[in-house]
N, C-alpha and C. Protein backbone atom coordinates (compact mmCIF):
# COMPACT_ATOMS: atom_id res chain seq x y z
N MET A 1 32.21 30.30 1.96
CA MET A 1 31.60 29.21 2.67
C MET A 1 30.68 28.46 1.70
N SER A 2 30.92 27.16 1.57
CA SER A 2 30.11 26.37 0.64
C SER A 2 28.94 25.72 1.37
N VAL A 3 27.87 25.62 0.67
CA VAL A 3 26.67 25.00 1.21
C VAL A 3 26.68 23.53 0.77
N PRO A 4 26.48 22.61 1.73
CA PRO A 4 26.48 21.20 1.33
C PRO A 4 25.31 20.90 0.39
N VAL A 5 25.59 20.07 -0.59
CA VAL A 5 24.59 19.69 -1.56
C VAL A 5 24.04 18.33 -1.16
N GLN A 6 22.72 18.20 -1.21
CA GLN A 6 22.09 16.93 -0.88
C GLN A 6 21.46 16.35 -2.13
N TYR A 7 21.65 15.06 -2.31
CA TYR A 7 21.09 14.37 -3.45
C TYR A 7 20.11 13.32 -2.95
N ALA A 8 18.97 13.26 -3.60
CA ALA A 8 17.99 12.24 -3.25
C ALA A 8 18.47 10.90 -3.82
N LEU A 9 18.32 9.85 -3.03
CA LEU A 9 18.69 8.52 -3.51
C LEU A 9 17.70 8.02 -4.54
N VAL A 10 16.46 8.44 -4.41
CA VAL A 10 15.41 8.07 -5.35
C VAL A 10 14.75 9.36 -5.80
N PRO A 11 14.59 9.54 -7.10
CA PRO A 11 13.95 10.77 -7.58
C PRO A 11 12.58 10.96 -6.94
N GLN A 12 12.25 12.21 -6.66
CA GLN A 12 10.98 12.53 -6.02
C GLN A 12 9.94 12.87 -7.09
N PHE A 13 8.76 12.29 -6.97
CA PHE A 13 7.67 12.55 -7.88
C PHE A 13 6.45 12.96 -7.07
N GLY A 14 5.51 13.60 -7.73
CA GLY A 14 4.27 13.96 -7.06
C GLY A 14 3.48 12.72 -6.67
N ARG A 15 2.55 12.88 -5.73
CA ARG A 15 1.77 11.74 -5.25
C ARG A 15 0.98 11.05 -6.36
N ALA A 16 0.46 11.81 -7.29
CA ALA A 16 -0.38 11.25 -8.33
C ALA A 16 0.43 10.73 -9.52
N ALA A 17 1.73 10.97 -9.52
CA ALA A 17 2.55 10.58 -10.66
C ALA A 17 2.64 9.07 -10.77
N ARG A 18 2.64 8.60 -12.00
CA ARG A 18 2.86 7.18 -12.28
C ARG A 18 3.88 7.11 -13.40
N LEU A 19 4.60 6.02 -13.42
CA LEU A 19 5.63 5.85 -14.44
C LEU A 19 5.27 4.66 -15.31
N ASP A 20 5.41 4.82 -16.64
CA ASP A 20 5.22 3.67 -17.51
C ASP A 20 6.46 2.78 -17.44
N LEU A 21 6.40 1.62 -18.06
CA LEU A 21 7.49 0.65 -17.96
C LEU A 21 8.81 1.22 -18.42
N GLU A 22 8.83 1.89 -19.56
CA GLU A 22 10.09 2.43 -20.10
C GLU A 22 10.67 3.50 -19.18
N SER A 23 9.82 4.40 -18.69
CA SER A 23 10.28 5.46 -17.79
C SER A 23 10.78 4.87 -16.48
N PHE A 24 10.03 3.93 -15.94
CA PHE A 24 10.43 3.30 -14.69
C PHE A 24 11.78 2.62 -14.85
N ALA A 25 11.94 1.86 -15.90
CA ALA A 25 13.20 1.15 -16.13
C ALA A 25 14.36 2.14 -16.27
N ARG A 26 14.14 3.23 -17.00
CA ARG A 26 15.19 4.22 -17.20
C ARG A 26 15.59 4.86 -15.87
N VAL A 27 14.60 5.29 -15.08
CA VAL A 27 14.89 5.96 -13.81
C VAL A 27 15.53 4.98 -12.82
N ALA A 28 15.09 3.72 -12.83
CA ALA A 28 15.64 2.72 -11.91
C ALA A 28 16.99 2.19 -12.37
N GLY A 29 17.36 2.47 -13.61
CA GLY A 29 18.63 1.97 -14.13
C GLY A 29 18.60 0.48 -14.43
N LEU A 30 17.42 -0.01 -14.82
CA LEU A 30 17.23 -1.42 -15.12
C LEU A 30 16.75 -1.59 -16.55
N HIS A 31 17.00 -2.76 -17.10
CA HIS A 31 16.46 -3.09 -18.42
C HIS A 31 14.97 -3.41 -18.26
N PRO A 32 14.14 -3.00 -19.20
CA PRO A 32 12.71 -3.29 -19.09
C PRO A 32 12.40 -4.79 -18.92
N ASP A 33 13.20 -5.66 -19.54
CA ASP A 33 12.96 -7.10 -19.37
C ASP A 33 13.22 -7.54 -17.93
N LEU A 34 14.21 -6.93 -17.28
CA LEU A 34 14.47 -7.25 -15.88
C LEU A 34 13.33 -6.75 -14.99
N VAL A 35 12.77 -5.60 -15.33
CA VAL A 35 11.62 -5.08 -14.59
C VAL A 35 10.45 -6.05 -14.74
N ARG A 36 10.23 -6.55 -15.94
CA ARG A 36 9.16 -7.54 -16.16
C ARG A 36 9.42 -8.81 -15.34
N ARG A 37 10.68 -9.23 -15.26
CA ARG A 37 11.01 -10.41 -14.45
C ARG A 37 10.71 -10.16 -12.98
N TYR A 38 11.07 -8.98 -12.47
CA TYR A 38 10.76 -8.63 -11.09
C TYR A 38 9.25 -8.68 -10.84
N LEU A 39 8.49 -8.20 -11.83
CA LEU A 39 7.03 -8.24 -11.71
C LEU A 39 6.53 -9.69 -11.64
N ALA A 40 7.05 -10.53 -12.53
CA ALA A 40 6.62 -11.93 -12.56
C ALA A 40 6.96 -12.65 -11.26
N LEU A 41 8.06 -12.27 -10.63
CA LEU A 41 8.48 -12.90 -9.38
C LEU A 41 7.79 -12.29 -8.16
N GLY A 42 7.02 -11.22 -8.36
CA GLY A 42 6.33 -10.58 -7.25
C GLY A 42 7.20 -9.64 -6.44
N LEU A 43 8.37 -9.27 -6.98
CA LEU A 43 9.26 -8.36 -6.27
C LEU A 43 8.85 -6.91 -6.45
N LEU A 44 8.13 -6.61 -7.54
CA LEU A 44 7.61 -5.27 -7.82
C LEU A 44 6.12 -5.38 -8.06
N GLU A 45 5.43 -4.26 -7.90
CA GLU A 45 3.99 -4.19 -8.16
C GLU A 45 3.72 -3.11 -9.19
N ALA A 46 2.79 -3.39 -10.07
CA ALA A 46 2.39 -2.42 -11.08
C ALA A 46 0.90 -2.61 -11.34
N THR A 47 0.30 -1.60 -11.91
CA THR A 47 -1.10 -1.71 -12.32
C THR A 47 -1.14 -1.70 -13.84
N ALA A 48 -2.11 -2.40 -14.38
CA ALA A 48 -2.26 -2.45 -15.83
C ALA A 48 -3.26 -1.39 -16.27
N GLY A 49 -2.92 -0.70 -17.33
CA GLY A 49 -3.81 0.30 -17.88
C GLY A 49 -4.87 -0.34 -18.75
N ALA A 50 -5.71 0.47 -19.35
CA ALA A 50 -6.81 -0.01 -20.19
C ALA A 50 -6.30 -0.79 -21.40
N ARG A 51 -5.15 -0.42 -21.93
CA ARG A 51 -4.60 -1.10 -23.10
C ARG A 51 -3.53 -2.12 -22.72
N GLY A 52 -3.43 -2.46 -21.42
CA GLY A 52 -2.47 -3.47 -20.98
C GLY A 52 -1.10 -2.92 -20.63
N GLU A 53 -0.92 -1.61 -20.75
CA GLU A 53 0.38 -1.02 -20.41
C GLU A 53 0.58 -1.06 -18.89
N LEU A 54 1.81 -1.15 -18.48
CA LEU A 54 2.14 -1.22 -17.06
C LEU A 54 2.43 0.17 -16.51
N TRP A 55 1.90 0.43 -15.30
CA TRP A 55 2.12 1.70 -14.62
C TRP A 55 2.65 1.42 -13.22
N PHE A 56 3.69 2.15 -12.85
CA PHE A 56 4.34 1.95 -11.56
C PHE A 56 4.18 3.18 -10.69
N ALA A 57 3.91 2.94 -9.42
CA ALA A 57 3.90 4.03 -8.44
C ALA A 57 5.35 4.42 -8.18
N PRO A 58 5.62 5.69 -7.91
CA PRO A 58 6.99 6.12 -7.65
C PRO A 58 7.66 5.36 -6.50
N GLY A 59 6.89 4.91 -5.51
CA GLY A 59 7.45 4.17 -4.39
C GLY A 59 8.09 2.86 -4.80
N GLN A 60 7.70 2.34 -5.97
CA GLN A 60 8.30 1.10 -6.46
C GLN A 60 9.76 1.27 -6.85
N LEU A 61 10.19 2.53 -7.05
CA LEU A 61 11.61 2.78 -7.32
C LEU A 61 12.45 2.38 -6.11
N ARG A 62 11.95 2.68 -4.91
CA ARG A 62 12.66 2.26 -3.68
C ARG A 62 12.75 0.75 -3.60
N THR A 63 11.65 0.09 -3.96
CA THR A 63 11.61 -1.36 -3.92
C THR A 63 12.61 -1.95 -4.92
N ALA A 64 12.67 -1.39 -6.12
CA ALA A 64 13.61 -1.86 -7.13
C ALA A 64 15.05 -1.66 -6.65
N ALA A 65 15.31 -0.52 -6.02
CA ALA A 65 16.66 -0.27 -5.51
C ALA A 65 17.01 -1.25 -4.40
N ARG A 66 16.04 -1.57 -3.57
CA ARG A 66 16.27 -2.53 -2.49
C ARG A 66 16.59 -3.92 -3.06
N VAL A 67 15.85 -4.32 -4.07
CA VAL A 67 16.11 -5.61 -4.71
C VAL A 67 17.52 -5.64 -5.28
N GLN A 68 17.91 -4.57 -5.94
CA GLN A 68 19.25 -4.50 -6.51
C GLN A 68 20.33 -4.56 -5.43
N ARG A 69 20.10 -3.87 -4.31
CA ARG A 69 21.09 -3.89 -3.22
C ARG A 69 21.21 -5.29 -2.62
N LEU A 70 20.08 -5.95 -2.41
CA LEU A 70 20.12 -7.30 -1.86
C LEU A 70 20.79 -8.27 -2.82
N ARG A 71 20.51 -8.13 -4.09
CA ARG A 71 21.10 -9.01 -5.10
C ARG A 71 22.61 -8.80 -5.18
N ALA A 72 23.04 -7.55 -5.20
CA ALA A 72 24.46 -7.26 -5.34
C ALA A 72 25.22 -7.47 -4.03
N GLY A 73 24.64 -7.04 -2.92
CA GLY A 73 25.35 -7.09 -1.65
C GLY A 73 25.41 -8.45 -1.00
N LEU A 74 24.36 -9.24 -1.17
CA LEU A 74 24.30 -10.54 -0.51
C LEU A 74 24.32 -11.71 -1.48
N ALA A 75 24.34 -11.41 -2.77
CA ALA A 75 24.36 -12.45 -3.81
C ALA A 75 23.23 -13.46 -3.62
N LEU A 76 22.03 -12.93 -3.34
CA LEU A 76 20.86 -13.77 -3.14
C LEU A 76 20.18 -14.05 -4.47
N ASN A 77 19.53 -15.22 -4.58
CA ASN A 77 18.72 -15.46 -5.75
C ASN A 77 17.39 -14.71 -5.57
N TYR A 78 16.59 -14.66 -6.63
CA TYR A 78 15.40 -13.83 -6.58
C TYR A 78 14.37 -14.33 -5.58
N ALA A 79 14.26 -15.64 -5.41
CA ALA A 79 13.31 -16.16 -4.42
C ALA A 79 13.74 -15.75 -3.02
N ALA A 80 15.03 -15.80 -2.74
CA ALA A 80 15.53 -15.40 -1.42
C ALA A 80 15.36 -13.90 -1.21
N ILE A 81 15.50 -13.12 -2.27
CA ILE A 81 15.32 -11.67 -2.14
C ILE A 81 13.91 -11.35 -1.69
N GLY A 82 12.91 -12.03 -2.24
CA GLY A 82 11.53 -11.82 -1.82
C GLY A 82 11.34 -12.15 -0.35
N LEU A 83 11.92 -13.25 0.09
CA LEU A 83 11.81 -13.66 1.49
C LEU A 83 12.51 -12.66 2.40
N VAL A 84 13.73 -12.27 2.05
CA VAL A 84 14.48 -11.31 2.88
C VAL A 84 13.76 -9.97 2.93
N ALA A 85 13.22 -9.52 1.80
CA ALA A 85 12.49 -8.25 1.78
C ALA A 85 11.26 -8.32 2.69
N ASP A 86 10.54 -9.44 2.65
CA ASP A 86 9.38 -9.61 3.53
C ASP A 86 9.80 -9.60 5.00
N LEU A 87 10.89 -10.28 5.31
CA LEU A 87 11.37 -10.30 6.69
C LEU A 87 11.83 -8.92 7.15
N LEU A 88 12.50 -8.19 6.29
CA LEU A 88 12.93 -6.83 6.65
C LEU A 88 11.73 -5.92 6.89
N ASP A 89 10.69 -6.07 6.07
CA ASP A 89 9.46 -5.28 6.28
C ASP A 89 8.82 -5.64 7.62
N ARG A 90 8.79 -6.93 7.93
CA ARG A 90 8.18 -7.36 9.20
C ARG A 90 8.98 -6.84 10.38
N ILE A 91 10.30 -6.88 10.30
CA ILE A 91 11.15 -6.34 11.36
C ILE A 91 10.87 -4.86 11.56
N ALA A 92 10.75 -4.12 10.46
CA ALA A 92 10.46 -2.68 10.55
C ALA A 92 9.12 -2.44 11.23
N GLU A 93 8.11 -3.25 10.91
CA GLU A 93 6.80 -3.11 11.56
C GLU A 93 6.89 -3.39 13.06
N LEU A 94 7.61 -4.44 13.42
CA LEU A 94 7.75 -4.78 14.84
C LEU A 94 8.52 -3.71 15.60
N GLU A 95 9.56 -3.17 14.99
CA GLU A 95 10.31 -2.09 15.64
C GLU A 95 9.45 -0.86 15.83
N ALA A 96 8.62 -0.54 14.83
CA ALA A 96 7.72 0.61 14.95
C ALA A 96 6.71 0.38 16.07
N ALA A 97 6.18 -0.83 16.16
CA ALA A 97 5.22 -1.14 17.23
C ALA A 97 5.90 -1.05 18.59
N LEU A 98 7.13 -1.51 18.68
CA LEU A 98 7.86 -1.44 19.94
C LEU A 98 8.12 0.00 20.34
N ARG A 99 8.53 0.82 19.37
CA ARG A 99 8.74 2.25 19.66
C ARG A 99 7.45 2.89 20.12
N SER A 100 6.36 2.54 19.47
CA SER A 100 5.05 3.11 19.83
C SER A 100 4.64 2.69 21.24
N SER A 101 4.84 1.42 21.59
CA SER A 101 4.46 0.98 22.93
C SER A 101 5.37 1.59 24.00
N ARG A 102 6.63 1.77 23.67
CA ARG A 102 7.54 2.43 24.61
C ARG A 102 7.12 3.88 24.81
N HIS A 103 6.72 4.53 23.72
CA HIS A 103 6.27 5.92 23.81
C HIS A 103 5.01 6.00 24.67
N ALA A 104 4.08 5.06 24.48
CA ALA A 104 2.86 5.05 25.28
C ALA A 104 3.19 4.79 26.75
N ALA A 105 4.15 3.92 27.02
CA ALA A 105 4.54 3.64 28.40
C ALA A 105 5.18 4.88 29.03
N ASP A 106 5.98 5.59 28.25
CA ASP A 106 6.59 6.82 28.77
C ASP A 106 5.53 7.86 29.10
N LEU A 107 4.54 8.00 28.23
CA LEU A 107 3.46 8.95 28.49
C LEU A 107 2.66 8.55 29.73
N ARG A 108 2.40 7.26 29.88
CA ARG A 108 1.67 6.77 31.03
C ARG A 108 2.46 7.02 32.31
N ASP A 109 3.76 6.78 32.27
CA ASP A 109 4.60 7.02 33.44
C ASP A 109 4.60 8.49 33.84
N ARG A 110 4.63 9.34 32.84
CA ARG A 110 4.65 10.78 33.13
C ARG A 110 3.32 11.24 33.71
N ALA A 111 2.25 10.59 33.32
CA ALA A 111 0.92 10.98 33.80
C ALA A 111 0.54 10.24 35.08
N ASP A 112 1.42 9.42 35.60
CA ASP A 112 1.17 8.62 36.80
C ASP A 112 -0.07 7.75 36.65
N LEU A 113 -0.27 7.21 35.45
CA LEU A 113 -1.38 6.29 35.23
C LEU A 113 -0.90 4.88 35.56
N PRO A 114 -1.79 4.06 36.07
CA PRO A 114 -1.37 2.69 36.36
C PRO A 114 -1.11 1.91 35.07
N ALA A 115 -0.21 0.97 35.14
CA ALA A 115 0.06 0.11 34.00
C ALA A 115 -1.17 -0.75 33.74
N ARG A 116 -1.30 -1.25 32.54
CA ARG A 116 -2.46 -2.05 32.17
C ARG A 116 -2.61 -3.25 33.10
N SER A 117 -1.51 -3.86 33.51
CA SER A 117 -1.59 -5.03 34.38
C SER A 117 -2.05 -4.66 35.79
N ASP A 118 -1.98 -3.38 36.15
CA ASP A 118 -2.40 -2.95 37.47
C ASP A 118 -3.90 -2.61 37.53
N LEU A 119 -4.55 -2.61 36.39
CA LEU A 119 -5.97 -2.28 36.36
C LEU A 119 -6.75 -3.52 36.78
N VAL A 120 -7.31 -3.48 37.94
CA VAL A 120 -8.07 -4.62 38.45
C VAL A 120 -9.44 -4.15 38.87
N ARG A 121 -10.37 -5.08 38.95
CA ARG A 121 -11.72 -4.75 39.35
C ARG A 121 -12.10 -5.73 40.45
N GLY A 122 -12.32 -5.22 41.61
CA GLY A 122 -12.70 -6.07 42.72
C GLY A 122 -11.60 -7.03 43.10
N GLY A 123 -10.35 -6.62 42.96
CA GLY A 123 -9.24 -7.48 43.32
C GLY A 123 -8.88 -8.48 42.23
N ARG A 124 -9.60 -8.44 41.12
CA ARG A 124 -9.31 -9.35 40.01
C ARG A 124 -9.04 -8.55 38.75
N SER A 125 -8.24 -9.11 37.86
CA SER A 125 -8.00 -8.41 36.63
C SER A 125 -9.22 -8.53 35.73
N TRP A 126 -9.33 -7.68 34.75
CA TRP A 126 -10.48 -7.66 33.85
C TRP A 126 -10.55 -8.93 33.05
N THR A 127 -9.41 -9.55 32.77
CA THR A 127 -9.40 -10.71 31.88
C THR A 127 -9.30 -12.02 32.62
N SER A 128 -9.13 -12.01 33.93
CA SER A 128 -8.97 -13.28 34.62
C SER A 128 -10.30 -13.97 34.76
N THR A 129 -10.26 -15.30 34.71
CA THR A 129 -11.49 -16.08 34.84
C THR A 129 -11.56 -16.77 36.19
N ALA A 130 -10.49 -16.71 36.95
CA ALA A 130 -10.46 -17.40 38.23
C ALA A 130 -11.09 -16.57 39.33
């Protein structure tokens, strides 16, 4: 009986780990000049060291992979990639908020708590001015 092998799509690093430009480019499979271009366009983020060297958080590897997928899969220019990435991030935030509010509504229903719109004071809602 064989055990399935799982491969990480992005190498895992410790929380405190940082990658210099050459290491980041090698792990991401990109040329260092392309990484610099991504930085100039605002598609990647890095911090500058005391001597001006660039340091990347490991999470930026996911971002670089996303840029590459959008560029290859949708043939977008770099300006459009930034816009699409921002929109995808916003959609993810909205979906998370929706899941959270649905979860809160489910908990409220289970506890037989009144919905927020049912909370009234003296026959009036808390926010009504009439």
